[in-house]
Amino acid sequence: MSTDAPIRITLEQEEDYSFRIRFDDTTIADLMTDEPEPLGKGEGPNPTRLLVSAVANCLSASLLFALRKFRNTPGRLVTHATAELVRNEQGRLRVGHIHADIQLAEAGTAHASLERILAQFENFCVVTESVRHGIEVSVSITDADGVQLHGKARTEQAAS
């Protein structure tokens, strides 16, 4: 993945809390998200589930890559991930902890360089390490007339 090319998505509200996500500049199929009841209809994953999925997927892919890099031929990986929701000081829900349990299809002794792989694979997981270290997030809101209501436009952020 090139570090020069930003990753772009477009999110469009379909109905109430249901949103269509388009993965711009790709041929990836759109993804529908929704909030669970009572806010939404629960017809798609909500952002919290997407976050947990992203962490679990990234860790699994990173482990698979590392195993194969050392010429191992792992069987099918199965990962179960759990997020614990906590309330912050203002009483708002936050993801307090994510645990990913990755299961190999074979005994650990079947893999060459396993100790080295296990010591390093998490460091190469873009999503997990970004979450662990905090991701800077900026927000801008523009109305239908193009008036900036909140935050700075992306071009202004790049200049500062």
Foldseek 3Di string as FASTA:
>chain_A
DDPVDDFDWDWDDDDQQWIWIGRPPDPDDIAIDGDPPPRTPRPHHHPVVVLLVLLQVLLVVLLVVLQVVQVADWDDKDKDKDWDWDADPVGDIDGPDMDIDIDTPDDCVSTPPSVVSVVPSVVPRPSNVCVVVDDDDFDWDADPVRHTDDTDDPVVVVVD
